[in-house]
Protein backbone atom coordinates (compact mmCIF):
# COMPACT_ATOMS: atom_id res chain seq x y z
CA MET A 1 -32.68 -11.60 -7.48
CA GLY A 2 -30.78 -9.58 -10.09
CA LYS A 3 -32.32 -8.50 -13.33
CA TRP A 4 -30.18 -10.89 -15.41
CA PRO A 5 -30.92 -14.60 -15.35
CA THR A 6 -28.27 -16.94 -14.05
CA VAL A 7 -26.14 -18.33 -16.88
CA SER A 8 -24.11 -21.48 -16.56
CA ALA A 9 -20.35 -21.32 -16.92
CA ALA A 10 -20.59 -23.61 -19.95
CA HIS A 11 -23.09 -21.28 -21.63
CA ALA A 12 -20.96 -18.21 -20.87
CA ARG A 13 -17.83 -19.92 -22.20
CA LYS A 14 -19.65 -20.97 -25.39
CA TRP A 15 -20.87 -17.38 -25.93
CA TYR A 16 -17.40 -15.95 -25.27
CA PHE A 17 -15.55 -18.21 -27.70
CA GLU A 18 -18.22 -18.71 -30.36
CA GLU A 19 -19.80 -15.25 -30.48
CA TYR A 20 -17.80 -12.56 -28.66
CA MET A 21 -14.29 -13.42 -29.84
CA PRO A 22 -15.34 -13.87 -33.51
CA LEU A 23 -17.13 -10.50 -33.25
CA GLN A 24 -13.88 -8.88 -32.06
CA GLU A 25 -12.08 -10.36 -35.07
CA ARG A 26 -14.73 -9.01 -37.47
CA ILE A 27 -14.51 -5.55 -35.89
CA LEU A 28 -10.73 -5.54 -36.27
CA ARG A 29 -10.97 -6.60 -39.93
CA CYS A 30 -13.58 -3.93 -40.73
CA HIS A 31 -12.42 -0.93 -38.70
CA PHE A 32 -8.67 -1.21 -38.20
CA HIS A 33 -5.79 -1.54 -40.61
CA LYS A 34 -2.23 -2.74 -40.54
CA GLU A 35 0.30 -0.02 -39.75
CA GLN A 36 3.36 -0.21 -41.98
CA TRP A 37 5.67 1.15 -39.27
CA ILE A 38 4.70 -1.76 -37.00
CA GLU A 39 5.38 -4.29 -39.72
CA ASP A 40 8.73 -2.57 -40.41
CA ILE A 41 9.70 -2.92 -36.73
CA LEU A 42 8.66 -6.57 -36.70
CA LEU A 43 10.69 -7.27 -39.86
CA THR A 44 13.74 -5.47 -38.46
CA CYS A 45 13.52 -7.46 -35.22
CA ARG A 46 13.25 -10.70 -37.20
CA GLU A 47 16.30 -9.76 -39.34
CA LYS A 48 18.37 -8.88 -36.25
CA GLY A 49 17.31 -11.98 -34.29
CA ILE A 50 15.46 -9.98 -31.65
CA ARG A 51 12.73 -12.06 -30.02
CA VAL A 52 9.25 -10.55 -30.19
CA ALA A 53 6.30 -11.55 -28.04
CA LEU A 54 2.71 -10.36 -28.06
CA LEU A 55 0.60 -10.36 -24.90
CA SER A 56 -3.12 -9.81 -25.38
CA ASP A 57 -5.45 -9.34 -22.45
CA TYR A 58 -8.05 -11.46 -24.18
CA ASP A 59 -8.09 -14.81 -25.93
CA ALA A 60 -7.84 -15.48 -29.68
CA ALA A 61 -4.67 -13.40 -29.81
CA ARG A 62 -3.31 -15.15 -32.91
CA GLU A 63 -6.64 -14.71 -34.70
CA LYS A 64 -6.64 -11.01 -33.86
CA VAL A 65 -3.09 -10.63 -35.22
CA VAL A 66 -4.28 -12.16 -38.50
CA ALA A 67 -7.46 -10.04 -38.50
CA LEU A 68 -5.27 -6.93 -38.31
CA GLY A 69 -3.28 -8.13 -41.32
CA TYR A 70 -0.02 -9.12 -39.63
CA ASP A 71 1.85 -12.35 -40.19
CA PRO A 72 1.87 -14.31 -36.91
CA SER A 73 5.31 -15.70 -37.79
CA PHE A 74 6.78 -12.27 -36.96
CA PHE A 75 6.19 -13.15 -33.31
CA ASP A 76 8.10 -15.74 -31.34
CA TYR A 77 5.27 -15.92 -28.81
CA ILE A 78 1.62 -14.92 -29.04
CA VAL A 79 -0.20 -15.46 -25.76
CA SER A 80 -3.17 -14.17 -23.85
CA SER A 81 -3.12 -12.96 -20.28
CA SER A 82 -5.45 -15.80 -19.27
CA GLN A 83 -2.66 -18.26 -20.19
CA LEU A 84 -0.19 -16.49 -17.89
CA GLY A 85 -2.23 -15.60 -14.84
CA GLY A 86 -3.96 -12.25 -15.16
CA LEU A 87 -4.98 -9.22 -17.17
CA LYS A 88 -2.53 -6.36 -17.56
CA PRO A 89 -1.29 -4.57 -15.50
CA CYS A 90 -0.63 -7.89 -13.76
CA GLY A 91 3.12 -7.97 -13.36
CA GLU A 92 3.16 -11.75 -13.07
CA SER A 93 1.84 -12.22 -16.62
CA MET A 94 4.43 -9.82 -18.02
CA ARG A 95 7.19 -11.48 -15.99
CA LYS A 96 6.24 -14.94 -17.32
CA LEU A 97 6.18 -13.65 -20.89
CA ILE A 98 9.62 -12.09 -20.57
CA GLU A 99 10.93 -15.31 -19.03
CA MET A 100 9.54 -17.25 -22.03
CA THR A 101 11.68 -15.12 -24.35
CA GLY A 102 14.80 -15.72 -22.28
CA ALA A 103 15.34 -11.98 -21.86
CA ARG A 104 15.97 -10.00 -18.70
CA PRO A 105 13.25 -7.48 -17.77
CA GLU A 106 15.67 -4.54 -17.72
CA ARG A 107 16.68 -5.41 -21.32
CA SER A 108 13.07 -5.73 -22.50
CA LEU A 109 10.93 -3.14 -24.23
CA VAL A 110 7.16 -3.27 -23.87
CA ILE A 111 5.25 -1.39 -26.56
CA GLY A 112 1.58 -0.84 -25.87
CA ASP A 113 -1.32 1.50 -26.39
CA LYS A 114 -2.43 1.80 -22.77
CA ARG A 115 -0.20 3.39 -20.14
CA LYS A 116 -2.42 2.20 -17.29
CA ALA A 117 -2.31 -1.43 -18.41
CA ASP A 118 0.75 -2.03 -20.57
CA GLY A 119 2.90 0.65 -18.96
CA ARG A 120 2.17 -0.43 -15.41
CA ALA A 121 2.80 -4.09 -16.27
CA ALA A 122 6.20 -3.12 -17.71
CA GLU A 123 6.97 -0.95 -14.69
CA ARG A 124 6.10 -3.76 -12.28
CA VAL A 125 8.76 -6.02 -13.80
CA GLY A 126 11.38 -3.35 -14.46
CA ALA A 127 11.01 -3.31 -18.26
CA MET A 128 11.14 -0.22 -20.47
CA PHE A 129 7.85 1.02 -21.93
CA ARG A 130 6.87 3.06 -24.97
CA CYS A 131 3.28 4.06 -25.62
CA CYS A 132 1.95 4.12 -29.17
CA LYS A 133 -1.54 4.91 -30.33
């Protein structure tokens, strides 16, 4: 038997949503800040009618957007990978998100902070990618 006791799925789910995800939000509020250049891009997209979607690998994506200080209304879609079928670099999740926006992959730009996850997901669907950190 392993060193960790067996935990029920219900217990693990309760911990994830009631402890882990709120902890992530608190960490974002305390240790990260809104970047003005990101807000400027979001505002410009909104003014020009360019659809913007956010794909988070983990749940509570909207709450994390707020914790970082951004207005969720800047985004047409805010979804987590679990809603679309798999963590990045899962191409299927990225493909579904792009389909939700009504855009074609080759006319889509994915901006992310991880080349191995965000960049590969974009590559798998034929979208452009720019890395920002």
